[in-house]
Amino acid sequence: MILKEKDALASSDKRSQYGYQQEKDVAFYLRREFGDHDQVLVFNDLRLTHNGENAQIDHLVVYPFGFIVIESKSISGKVNVNAEGEWSRSYRGEWRGMPSPIRQAELQQALLKDLLRANVEKFVRKILGIQGQVGGREWHVLCAVSSSAILDRKKMPAKISELTVKSEFVVEHVKKLMGSLGSLSVLKGRARFNEQELSALGNFLIQQDA
């Protein structure tokens, strides 16, 4: 279920337009797969504020067992990531450093965690008078890069390679991270949101969107 579509682009800058198109592409794949899925909530361009800090999440997928933060990156050239997790990209034949989109997603995820923990009573029920929490849920990040990007996966650290996908494969990786959403997953000890909690969580995040 799509709870928030991508906001309209307000800039005419070329780089902004490329980034906007990349986010639209990822949003399209997520909509096509999860648009009618009542157990999966998708937010595009979600802007959150907590304790004076801001986070702009390109795509957030919420499912009964957890959260997946997806950072979109428009990259048309080659991409290298060294052993320290530092990213660089080629642009018109020149190599330039760039912020790690994985680290960006992790920072956004951290703010989301803090926000949810501070407001957990608004969407997680009490059991025998004890307030439930979100700590036991699953937390994942992904980086979705342009289909035209050339990734040097031989030199890329294995962990980062697992979290970096081309746009057209983002749904495949999201589904792999989510695993089975059926009742058998509960028997395996996966903490989950029930239907009412998932709905309340979706409403809460929409209300928080800036």
C-alpha atoms as a PDB file:
ATOM      1  CA  MET A   1       0.000   0.000   0.000  1.00  0.00           C
ATOM      2  CA  ILE A   2       1.425   3.381  -1.001  1.00  0.00           C
ATOM      3  CA  LEU A   3       0.853   5.851   1.833  1.00  0.00           C
ATOM      4  CA  LYS A   4       2.959   8.673   0.377  1.00  0.00           C
ATOM      5  CA  GLU A   5       3.890   9.387  -3.216  1.00  0.00           C
ATOM      6  CA  LYS A   6       7.003  11.220  -4.332  1.00  0.00           C
ATOM      7  CA  ASP A   7       6.704  15.001  -3.884  1.00  0.00           C
ATOM      8  CA  ALA A   8       6.848  17.233  -6.975  1.00  0.00           C
ATOM      9  CA  LEU A   9      10.239  18.613  -7.979  1.00  0.00           C
ATOM     10  CA  ALA A  10      10.625  22.310  -7.182  1.00  0.00           C
ATOM     11  CA  SER A  11      14.066  22.799  -8.780  1.00  0.00           C
ATOM     12  CA  SER A  12      15.091  23.148 -12.436  1.00  0.00           C
ATOM     13  CA  ASP A  13      18.700  22.174 -11.682  1.00  0.00           C
ATOM     14  CA  LYS A  14      19.893  19.329 -13.920  1.00  0.00           C
ATOM     15  CA  ARG A  15      21.406  17.302 -11.094  1.00  0.00           C
ATOM     16  CA  SER A  16      18.219  17.660  -9.079  1.00  0.00           C
ATOM     17  CA  GLN A  17      16.221  16.472 -12.083  1.00  0.00           C
ATOM     18  CA  TYR A  18      18.387  13.357 -12.420  1.00  0.00           C
ATOM     19  CA  GLY A  19      18.020  12.585  -8.726  1.00  0.00           C
ATOM     20  CA  TYR A  20      14.280  13.155  -8.916  1.00  0.00           C
ATOM     21  CA  GLN A  21      13.929  10.768 -11.846  1.00  0.00           C
ATOM     22  CA  GLN A  22      15.926   8.093 -10.005  1.00  0.00           C
ATOM     23  CA  GLU A  23      13.627   8.350  -6.988  1.00  0.00           C
ATOM     24  CA  LYS A  24      10.588   8.204  -9.280  1.00  0.00           C
ATOM     25  CA  ASP A  25      11.955   5.047 -10.899  1.00  0.00           C
ATOM     26  CA  VAL A  26      12.377   3.312  -7.539  1.00  0.00           C
ATOM     27  CA  ALA A  27       8.947   4.524  -6.410  1.00  0.00           C
ATOM     28  CA  PHE A  28       7.477   3.024  -9.591  1.00  0.00           C
ATOM     29  CA  TYR A  29       8.913  -0.429  -8.899  1.00  0.00           C
ATOM     30  CA  LEU A  30       7.735  -0.311  -5.283  1.00  0.00           C
ATOM     31  CA  ARG A  31       4.253   0.802  -6.343  1.00  0.00           C
ATOM     32  CA  ARG A  32       3.948  -1.909  -8.959  1.00  0.00           C
ATOM     33  CA  GLU A  33       4.812  -4.631  -6.437  1.00  0.00           C
ATOM     34  CA  PHE A  34       3.258  -3.348  -3.208  1.00  0.00           C
ATOM     35  CA  GLY A  35       0.560  -0.904  -4.328  1.00  0.00           C
ATOM     36  CA  ASP A  36      -2.232  -3.322  -3.371  1.00  0.00           C
ATOM     37  CA  HIS A  37      -0.427  -5.122  -0.534  1.00  0.00           C
ATOM     38  CA  ASP A  38      -2.222  -4.551   2.779  1.00  0.00           C
ATOM     39  CA  GLN A  39       0.739  -5.793   4.868  1.00  0.00           C
ATOM     40  CA  VAL A  40       3.370  -3.546   3.273  1.00  0.00           C
ATOM     41  CA  LEU A  41       3.356   0.242   3.651  1.00  0.00           C
ATOM     42  CA  VAL A  42       5.472   2.369   1.311  1.00  0.00           C
ATOM     43  CA  PHE A  43       6.431   6.011   1.924  1.00  0.00           C
ATOM     44  CA  ASN A  44       8.291   8.020  -0.721  1.00  0.00           C
ATOM     45  CA  ASP A  45      10.128  11.234   0.153  1.00  0.00           C
ATOM     46  CA  LEU A  46       9.317  11.044   3.864  1.00  0.00           C
ATOM     47  CA  ARG A  47      10.649  14.027   5.834  1.00  0.00           C
ATOM     48  CA  LEU A  48      10.943  13.596   9.594  1.00  0.00           C
ATOM     49  CA  THR A  49      12.087  15.838  12.445  1.00  0.00           C
ATOM     50  CA  HIS A  50      13.042  14.729  15.952  1.00  0.00           C
ATOM     51  CA  ASN A  51      14.986  16.503  18.706  1.00  0.00           C
ATOM     52  CA  GLY A  52      16.022  19.265  16.319  1.00  0.00           C
ATOM     53  CA  GLU A  53      17.424  16.823  13.746  1.00  0.00           C
ATOM     54  CA  ASN A  54      16.006  16.215  10.257  1.00  0.00           C
ATOM     55  CA  ALA A  55      15.910  13.163   8.014  1.00  0.00           C
ATOM     56  CA  GLN A  56      14.742  12.960   4.410  1.00  0.00           C
ATOM     57  CA  ILE A  57      14.063   9.308   3.607  1.00  0.00           C
ATOM     58  CA  ASP A  58      13.818   8.618  -0.121  1.00  0.00           C
ATOM     59  CA  HIS A  59      11.804   5.431   0.384  1.00  0.00           C
ATOM     60  CA  LEU A  60      10.618   3.677   3.517  1.00  0.00           C
ATOM     61  CA  VAL A  61       9.062   0.223   3.470  1.00  0.00           C
ATOM     62  CA  VAL A  62       7.214  -0.834   6.629  1.00  0.00           C
ATOM     63  CA  TYR A  63       6.039  -4.425   7.020  1.00  0.00           C
ATOM     64  CA  PRO A  64       4.737  -6.435  10.004  1.00  0.00           C
ATOM     65  CA  PHE A  65       8.232  -7.412  11.147  1.00  0.00           C
ATOM     66  CA  GLY A  66      10.184  -4.224  10.569  1.00  0.00           C
ATOM     67  CA  PHE A  67      11.487  -1.420   8.407  1.00  0.00           C
ATOM     68  CA  ILE A  68      13.604  -0.965   5.266  1.00  0.00           C
ATOM     69  CA  VAL A  69      15.124   2.449   4.510  1.00  0.00           C
ATOM     70  CA  ILE A  70      16.097   2.870   0.852  1.00  0.00           C
ATOM     71  CA  GLU A  71      18.435   5.623  -0.334  1.00  0.00           C
ATOM     72  CA  SER A  72      18.227   6.400  -4.067  1.00  0.00           C
ATOM     73  CA  LYS A  73      21.285   7.615  -5.959  1.00  0.00           C
ATOM     74  CA  SER A  74      21.404   8.853  -9.540  1.00  0.00           C
ATOM     75  CA  ILE A  75      24.766   7.682 -10.905  1.00  0.00           C
ATOM     76  CA  SER A  76      25.556   7.427 -14.621  1.00  0.00           C
ATOM     77  CA  GLY A  77      29.250   6.549 -14.451  1.00  0.00           C
ATOM     78  CA  LYS A  78      31.417   4.040 -12.605  1.00  0.00           C
ATOM     79  CA  VAL A  79      31.256   3.506  -8.849  1.00  0.00           C
ATOM     80  CA  ASN A  80      34.032   2.282  -6.568  1.00  0.00           C
ATOM     81  CA  VAL A  81      33.895   1.573  -2.831  1.00  0.00           C
ATOM     82  CA  ASN A  82      37.124   0.894  -0.951  1.00  0.00           C
ATOM     83  CA  ALA A  83      37.729  -1.345   2.061  1.00  0.00           C
ATOM     84  CA  GLU A  84      36.923   1.544   4.412  1.00  0.00           C
ATOM     85  CA  GLY A  85      33.474   1.974   2.892  1.00  0.00           C
ATOM     86  CA  GLU A  86      34.398   5.228   1.122  1.00  0.00           C
ATOM     87  CA  TRP A  87      32.573   5.859  -2.155  1.00  0.00           C
ATOM     88  CA  SER A  88      33.867   7.457  -5.354  1.00  0.00           C
ATOM     89  CA  ARG A  89      32.320   7.916  -8.775  1.00  0.00           C
ATOM     90  CA  SER A  90      33.516   8.844 -12.246  1.00  0.00           C
ATOM     91  CA  TYR A  91      32.078  11.975 -13.823  1.00  0.00           C
ATOM     92  CA  ARG A  92      33.165  13.019 -17.313  1.00  0.00           C
ATOM     93  CA  GLY A  93      36.335  10.994 -16.985  1.00  0.00           C
ATOM     94  CA  GLU A  94      37.277  12.298 -13.522  1.00  0.00           C
ATOM     95  CA  TRP A  95      37.001  10.455 -10.223  1.00  0.00           C
ATOM     96  CA  ARG A  96      35.403  12.267  -7.316  1.00  0.00           C
ATOM     97  CA  GLY A  97      34.543  11.251  -3.792  1.00  0.00           C
ATOM     98  CA  MET A  98      30.906  11.142  -2.731  1.00  0.00           C
ATOM     99  CA  PRO A  99      29.051  10.610   0.558  1.00  0.00           C
ATOM    100  CA  SER A 100      28.271   6.997   1.341  1.00  0.00           C
ATOM    101  CA  PRO A 101      24.567   6.430   0.590  1.00  0.00           C
ATOM    102  CA  ILE A 102      24.636   3.428   2.937  1.00  0.00           C
ATOM    103  CA  ARG A 103      25.810   5.651   5.776  1.00  0.00           C
ATOM    104  CA  GLN A 104      23.178   8.238   4.849  1.00  0.00           C
ATOM    105  CA  ALA A 105      20.472   5.575   5.080  1.00  0.00           C
ATOM    106  CA  GLU A 106      21.816   4.395   8.445  1.00  0.00           C
ATOM    107  CA  LEU A 107      21.673   7.932   9.857  1.00  0.00           C
ATOM    108  CA  GLN A 108      18.103   8.360   8.609  1.00  0.00           C
ATOM    109  CA  GLN A 109      17.209   5.017  10.123  1.00  0.00           C
ATOM    110  CA  ALA A 110      18.688   6.063  13.490  1.00  0.00           C
ATOM    111  CA  LEU A 111      16.486   9.163  13.612  1.00  0.00           C
ATOM    112  CA  LEU A 112      13.452   7.074  12.643  1.00  0.00           C
ATOM    113  CA  LYS A 113      14.205   4.641  15.483  1.00  0.00           C
ATOM    114  CA  ASP A 114      14.484   7.450  18.029  1.00  0.00           C
ATOM    115  CA  LEU A 115      11.262   9.052  16.799  1.00  0.00           C
ATOM    116  CA  LEU A 116       9.319   5.791  17.022  1.00  0.00           C
ATOM    117  CA  ARG A 117      10.692   4.901  20.449  1.00  0.00           C
ATOM    118  CA  ALA A 118       9.690   8.318  21.769  1.00  0.00           C
ATOM    119  CA  ASN A 119       6.121   7.872  20.498  1.00  0.00           C
ATOM    120  CA  VAL A 120       5.620   4.112  20.715  1.00  0.00           C
ATOM    121  CA  GLU A 121       2.423   4.403  22.760  1.00  0.00           C
ATOM    122  CA  LYS A 122       0.714   5.958  19.734  1.00  0.00           C
ATOM    123  CA  PHE A 123       0.861   2.789  17.643  1.00  0.00           C
ATOM    124  CA  VAL A 124       1.963  -0.212  19.764  1.00  0.00           C
ATOM    125  CA  ARG A 125      -0.526  -1.684  22.227  1.00  0.00           C
ATOM    126  CA  LYS A 126      -0.023  -2.432  25.901  1.00  0.00           C
ATOM    127  CA  ILE A 127      -0.027  -6.053  27.032  1.00  0.00           C
ATOM    128  CA  LEU A 128      -1.108  -6.631  30.656  1.00  0.00           C
ATOM    129  CA  GLY A 129      -0.521  -2.948  31.277  1.00  0.00           C
ATOM    130  CA  ILE A 130       3.041  -3.015  29.941  1.00  0.00           C
ATOM    131  CA  GLN A 131       3.795  -0.812  26.933  1.00  0.00           C
ATOM    132  CA  GLY A 132       5.122  -2.691  23.916  1.00  0.00           C
ATOM    133  CA  GLN A 133       8.256  -1.432  22.148  1.00  0.00           C
ATOM    134  CA  VAL A 134       9.797  -1.392  18.659  1.00  0.00           C
ATOM    135  CA  GLY A 135      13.271  -2.606  19.618  1.00  0.00           C
ATOM    136  CA  GLY A 136      12.675  -6.206  18.595  1.00  0.00           C
ATOM    137  CA  ARG A 137      11.694  -5.340  15.016  1.00  0.00           C
ATOM    138  CA  GLU A 138      13.922  -5.873  11.984  1.00  0.00           C
ATOM    139  CA  TRP A 139      15.856  -2.889  10.605  1.00  0.00           C
ATOM    140  CA  HIS A 140      17.436  -2.839   7.153  1.00  0.00           C
ATOM    141  CA  VAL A 141      18.950  -0.328   4.731  1.00  0.00           C
ATOM    142  CA  LEU A 142      19.445  -0.497   0.970  1.00  0.00           C
ATOM    143  CA  CYS A 143      20.980   1.779  -1.637  1.00  0.00           C
ATOM    144  CA  ALA A 144      19.253   1.806  -5.039  1.00  0.00           C
ATOM    145  CA  VAL A 145      21.483   3.211  -7.795  1.00  0.00           C
ATOM    146  CA  SER A 146      20.642   4.075 -11.388  1.00  0.00           C
ATOM    147  CA  SER A 147      20.425   1.205 -13.847  1.00  0.00           C
ATOM    148  CA  SER A 148      23.103   2.964 -15.922  1.00  0.00           C
ATOM    149  CA  ALA A 149      25.676   2.884 -13.110  1.00  0.00           C
ATOM    150  CA  ILE A 150      28.660   0.552 -13.449  1.00  0.00           C
ATOM    151  CA  LEU A 151      29.447  -1.109 -10.120  1.00  0.00           C
ATOM    152  CA  ASP A 152      32.872  -2.618  -9.520  1.00  0.00           C
ATOM    153  CA  ARG A 153      31.655  -5.395  -7.231  1.00  0.00           C
ATOM    154  CA  LYS A 154      35.012  -7.207  -7.244  1.00  0.00           C
ATOM    155  CA  LYS A 155      36.595  -4.388  -5.245  1.00  0.00           C
ATOM    156  CA  MET A 156      33.489  -3.477  -3.268  1.00  0.00           C
ATOM    157  CA  PRO A 157      33.306  -4.839   0.316  1.00  0.00           C
ATOM    158  CA  ALA A 158      30.899  -7.786   0.378  1.00  0.00           C
ATOM    159  CA  LYS A 159      28.591  -6.216   2.977  1.00  0.00           C
ATOM    160  CA  ILE A 160      28.192  -3.023   0.944  1.00  0.00           C
ATOM    161  CA  SER A 161      27.717  -4.998  -2.264  1.00  0.00           C
ATOM    162  CA  GLU A 162      24.808  -6.871  -0.641  1.00  0.00           C
ATOM    163  CA  LEU A 163      23.125  -3.572   0.254  1.00  0.00           C
ATOM    164  CA  THR A 164      23.656  -1.884  -3.136  1.00  0.00           C
ATOM    165  CA  VAL A 165      21.218  -2.732  -5.930  1.00  0.00           C
ATOM    166  CA  LYS A 166      20.197  -1.458  -9.341  1.00  0.00           C
ATOM    167  CA  SER A 167      16.742   0.156  -9.437  1.00  0.00           C
ATOM    168  CA  GLU A 168      15.113  -2.676 -11.375  1.00  0.00           C
ATOM    169  CA  PHE A 169      16.177  -5.212  -8.734  1.00  0.00           C
ATOM    170  CA  VAL A 170      15.128  -3.238  -5.654  1.00  0.00           C
ATOM    171  CA  VAL A 171      11.839  -5.108  -5.178  1.00  0.00           C
ATOM    172  CA  GLU A 172      13.619  -8.473  -5.348  1.00  0.00           C
ATOM    173  CA  HIS A 173      15.937  -7.414  -2.525  1.00  0.00           C
ATOM    174  CA  VAL A 174      13.136  -5.874  -0.462  1.00  0.00           C
ATOM    175  CA  LYS A 175      11.159  -9.111  -0.652  1.00  0.00           C
ATOM    176  CA  LYS A 176      14.232 -11.105   0.350  1.00  0.00           C
ATOM    177  CA  LEU A 177      14.769  -8.901   3.423  1.00  0.00           C
ATOM    178  CA  MET A 178      11.107  -9.123   4.422  1.00  0.00           C
ATOM    179  CA  GLY A 179      10.960 -12.885   4.100  1.00  0.00           C
ATOM    180  CA  SER A 180       7.667 -14.647   4.663  1.00  0.00           C
ATOM    181  CA  LEU A 181       4.908 -12.420   6.036  1.00  0.00           C
ATOM    182  CA  GLY A 182       2.720 -15.357   7.036  1.00  0.00           C
ATOM    183  CA  SER A 183       1.872 -16.622  10.515  1.00  0.00           C
ATOM    184  CA  LEU A 184       4.692 -19.177  10.452  1.00  0.00           C
ATOM    185  CA  SER A 185       7.170 -16.328  10.853  1.00  0.00           C
ATOM    186  CA  VAL A 186       5.707 -15.593  14.290  1.00  0.00           C
ATOM    187  CA  LEU A 187       6.534 -19.124  15.384  1.00  0.00           C
ATOM    188  CA  LYS A 188      10.161 -18.419  14.518  1.00  0.00           C
ATOM    189  CA  GLY A 189      10.251 -15.667  17.137  1.00  0.00           C
ATOM    190  CA  ARG A 190       9.926 -12.651  14.834  1.00  0.00           C
ATOM    191  CA  ALA A 191       8.328  -9.746  16.701  1.00  0.00           C
ATOM    192  CA  ARG A 192       5.552  -8.275  14.579  1.00  0.00           C
ATOM    193  CA  PHE A 193       3.027  -5.458  14.385  1.00  0.00           C
ATOM    194  CA  ASN A 194      -0.551  -6.633  14.247  1.00  0.00           C
ATOM    195  CA  GLU A 195      -2.986  -5.201  11.711  1.00  0.00           C
ATOM    196  CA  GLN A 196      -4.178  -2.401  13.990  1.00  0.00           C
ATOM    197  CA  GLU A 197      -0.639  -1.440  15.015  1.00  0.00           C
ATOM    198  CA  LEU A 198       0.563  -1.383  11.415  1.00  0.00           C
ATOM    199  CA  SER A 199      -2.316   0.903  10.446  1.00  0.00           C
ATOM    200  CA  ALA A 200      -1.686   3.204  13.429  1.00  0.00           C
ATOM    201  CA  LEU A 201       2.030   3.294  12.610  1.00  0.00           C
ATOM    202  CA  GLY A 202       1.273   4.325   9.041  1.00  0.00           C
ATOM    203  CA  ASN A 203      -1.016   7.109  10.205  1.00  0.00           C
ATOM    204  CA  PHE A 204       1.587   8.290  12.703  1.00  0.00           C
ATOM    205  CA  LEU A 205       4.318   8.570  10.076  1.00  0.00           C
ATOM    206  CA  ILE A 206       2.046  10.430   7.687  1.00  0.00           C
ATOM    207  CA  GLN A 207       1.268  12.922  10.459  1.00  0.00           C
ATOM    208  CA  GLN A 208       4.985  13.378  11.138  1.00  0.00           C
ATOM    209  CA  ASP A 209       5.862  14.051   7.483  1.00  0.00           C
ATOM    210  CA  ALA A 210       7.125  17.619   7.089  1.00  0.00           C
END
